[in-house]
């Protein structure tokens, strides 16, 4: 058996080109639970559409959600007037 056959690496999976994700798929991509994702959807922070009886989330909404959370984090950091901790450096 050739050495290249013994240590062959799996081929990369093709890019997922779907534009709509199920709630489970979207939660997995965001690294959060389904319950948390439903709460974010119900609060209006992530938009979704109905496809028959399923809530489907456009991929663009996940990117927008992340951008919004990053902007919130940045704004929170700029309004914090407390002094930075001194770690003795």
C-alpha atoms as a PDB file:
ATOM      1  CA  UNK A   1       0.000   0.000   0.000  1.00  0.00           C
ATOM      2  CA  UNK A   2       1.355   3.402  -0.957  1.00  0.00           C
ATOM      3  CA  UNK A   3       2.137   5.899   1.767  1.00  0.00           C
ATOM      4  CA  UNK A   4      -0.196   8.465   0.163  1.00  0.00           C
ATOM      5  CA  UNK A   5      -3.098   6.006   0.468  1.00  0.00           C
ATOM      6  CA  UNK A   6      -2.383   5.334   4.140  1.00  0.00           C
ATOM      7  CA  UNK A   7      -2.421   9.021   5.081  1.00  0.00           C
ATOM      8  CA  UNK A   8      -4.904  10.462   2.625  1.00  0.00           C
ATOM      9  CA  UNK A   9      -6.854  13.453   3.873  1.00  0.00           C
ATOM     10  CA  UNK A  10     -10.577  13.767   3.294  1.00  0.00           C
ATOM     11  CA  UNK A  11     -11.563  16.089   0.497  1.00  0.00           C
ATOM     12  CA  UNK A  12     -13.069  19.395   1.602  1.00  0.00           C
ATOM     13  CA  UNK A  13     -16.844  19.593   1.445  1.00  0.00           C
ATOM     14  CA  UNK A  14     -18.266  21.881  -1.240  1.00  0.00           C
ATOM     15  CA  UNK A  15     -19.569  25.232  -0.039  1.00  0.00           C
ATOM     16  CA  UNK A  16     -23.180  25.190   1.064  1.00  0.00           C
ATOM     17  CA  UNK A  17     -24.895  27.542  -1.358  1.00  0.00           C
ATOM     18  CA  UNK A  18     -28.370  27.458   0.207  1.00  0.00           C
ATOM     19  CA  UNK A  19     -29.770  30.880   1.016  1.00  0.00           C
ATOM     20  CA  UNK A  20     -32.270  29.716   3.653  1.00  0.00           C
ATOM     21  CA  UNK A  21     -31.453  27.781   6.805  1.00  0.00           C
ATOM     22  CA  UNK A  22     -33.671  25.894   9.209  1.00  0.00           C
ATOM     23  CA  UNK A  23     -33.778  27.056  12.818  1.00  0.00           C
ATOM     24  CA  UNK A  24     -31.540  24.167  13.853  1.00  0.00           C
ATOM     25  CA  UNK A  25     -28.995  24.917  11.131  1.00  0.00           C
ATOM     26  CA  UNK A  26     -28.956  28.638  11.913  1.00  0.00           C
ATOM     27  CA  UNK A  27     -28.554  28.000  15.644  1.00  0.00           C
ATOM     28  CA  UNK A  28     -25.676  25.625  14.959  1.00  0.00           C
ATOM     29  CA  UNK A  29     -23.920  28.156  12.740  1.00  0.00           C
ATOM     30  CA  UNK A  30     -24.295  30.869  15.378  1.00  0.00           C
ATOM     31  CA  UNK A  31     -23.201  28.531  18.148  1.00  0.00           C
ATOM     32  CA  UNK A  32     -26.358  29.082  20.197  1.00  0.00           C
ATOM     33  CA  UNK A  33     -29.270  26.878  21.168  1.00  0.00           C
ATOM     34  CA  UNK A  34     -32.557  26.724  19.317  1.00  0.00           C
ATOM     35  CA  UNK A  35     -34.418  28.232  22.266  1.00  0.00           C
ATOM     36  CA  UNK A  36     -32.094  31.240  22.258  1.00  0.00           C
ATOM     37  CA  UNK A  37     -32.504  31.603  18.509  1.00  0.00           C
ATOM     38  CA  UNK A  38     -36.302  31.505  18.795  1.00  0.00           C
ATOM     39  CA  UNK A  39     -36.082  34.209  21.490  1.00  0.00           C
ATOM     40  CA  UNK A  40     -33.951  36.396  19.210  1.00  0.00           C
ATOM     41  CA  UNK A  41     -36.415  35.842  16.363  1.00  0.00           C
ATOM     42  CA  UNK A  42     -39.413  36.651  18.551  1.00  0.00           C
ATOM     43  CA  UNK A  43     -37.659  39.818  19.780  1.00  0.00           C
ATOM     44  CA  UNK A  44     -37.232  40.913  16.157  1.00  0.00           C
ATOM     45  CA  UNK A  45     -33.431  40.732  16.153  1.00  0.00           C
ATOM     46  CA  UNK A  46     -33.394  38.008  13.492  1.00  0.00           C
ATOM     47  CA  UNK A  47     -35.903  38.109  10.667  1.00  0.00           C
ATOM     48  CA  UNK A  48     -37.312  34.922   9.202  1.00  0.00           C
ATOM     49  CA  UNK A  49     -39.822  33.765   6.622  1.00  0.00           C
ATOM     50  CA  UNK A  50     -42.383  30.994   6.592  1.00  0.00           C
ATOM     51  CA  UNK A  51     -41.907  28.272   4.024  1.00  0.00           C
ATOM     52  CA  UNK A  52     -44.987  26.135   4.388  1.00  0.00           C
ATOM     53  CA  UNK A  53     -45.029  25.359   8.103  1.00  0.00           C
ATOM     54  CA  UNK A  54     -41.316  26.002   8.725  1.00  0.00           C
ATOM     55  CA  UNK A  55     -39.496  29.107   9.864  1.00  0.00           C
ATOM     56  CA  UNK A  56     -36.541  29.625   7.575  1.00  0.00           C
ATOM     57  CA  UNK A  57     -33.786  32.140   8.177  1.00  0.00           C
ATOM     58  CA  UNK A  58     -31.986  33.829   5.303  1.00  0.00           C
ATOM     59  CA  UNK A  59     -28.223  33.480   5.519  1.00  0.00           C
ATOM     60  CA  UNK A  60     -27.962  37.250   5.169  1.00  0.00           C
ATOM     61  CA  UNK A  61     -29.879  37.623   8.449  1.00  0.00           C
ATOM     62  CA  UNK A  62     -27.231  35.680  10.340  1.00  0.00           C
ATOM     63  CA  UNK A  63     -24.553  37.998   9.018  1.00  0.00           C
ATOM     64  CA  UNK A  64     -26.655  41.072   9.867  1.00  0.00           C
ATOM     65  CA  UNK A  65     -27.297  39.719  13.374  1.00  0.00           C
ATOM     66  CA  UNK A  66     -23.581  39.277  13.991  1.00  0.00           C
ATOM     67  CA  UNK A  67     -22.843  42.773  12.657  1.00  0.00           C
ATOM     68  CA  UNK A  68     -25.540  44.252  14.933  1.00  0.00           C
ATOM     69  CA  UNK A  69     -24.180  42.457  17.994  1.00  0.00           C
ATOM     70  CA  UNK A  70     -20.647  43.637  17.165  1.00  0.00           C
ATOM     71  CA  UNK A  71     -21.876  47.221  16.802  1.00  0.00           C
ATOM     72  CA  UNK A  72     -23.631  46.972  20.178  1.00  0.00           C
ATOM     73  CA  UNK A  73     -20.455  45.673  21.783  1.00  0.00           C
ATOM     74  CA  UNK A  74     -18.429  48.480  20.244  1.00  0.00           C
ATOM     75  CA  UNK A  75     -20.944  51.102  21.412  1.00  0.00           C
ATOM     76  CA  UNK A  76     -20.989  49.671  24.922  1.00  0.00           C
ATOM     77  CA  UNK A  77     -17.226  49.866  25.096  1.00  0.00           C
ATOM     78  CA  UNK A  78     -17.113  53.498  23.984  1.00  0.00           C
ATOM     79  CA  UNK A  79     -19.710  54.645  26.545  1.00  0.00           C
ATOM     80  CA  UNK A  80     -17.991  52.979  29.470  1.00  0.00           C
ATOM     81  CA  UNK A  81     -16.313  55.744  31.470  1.00  0.00           C
ATOM     82  CA  UNK A  82     -14.775  53.487  34.082  1.00  0.00           C
ATOM     83  CA  UNK A  83     -10.983  53.421  34.190  1.00  0.00           C
ATOM     84  CA  UNK A  84      -9.176  50.507  32.636  1.00  0.00           C
ATOM     85  CA  UNK A  85      -7.757  48.013  35.125  1.00  0.00           C
ATOM     86  CA  UNK A  86      -4.053  48.202  35.817  1.00  0.00           C
ATOM     87  CA  UNK A  87      -2.526  44.739  35.588  1.00  0.00           C
ATOM     88  CA  UNK A  88       0.889  45.879  36.797  1.00  0.00           C
ATOM     89  CA  UNK A  89       2.520  46.084  33.401  1.00  0.00           C
END
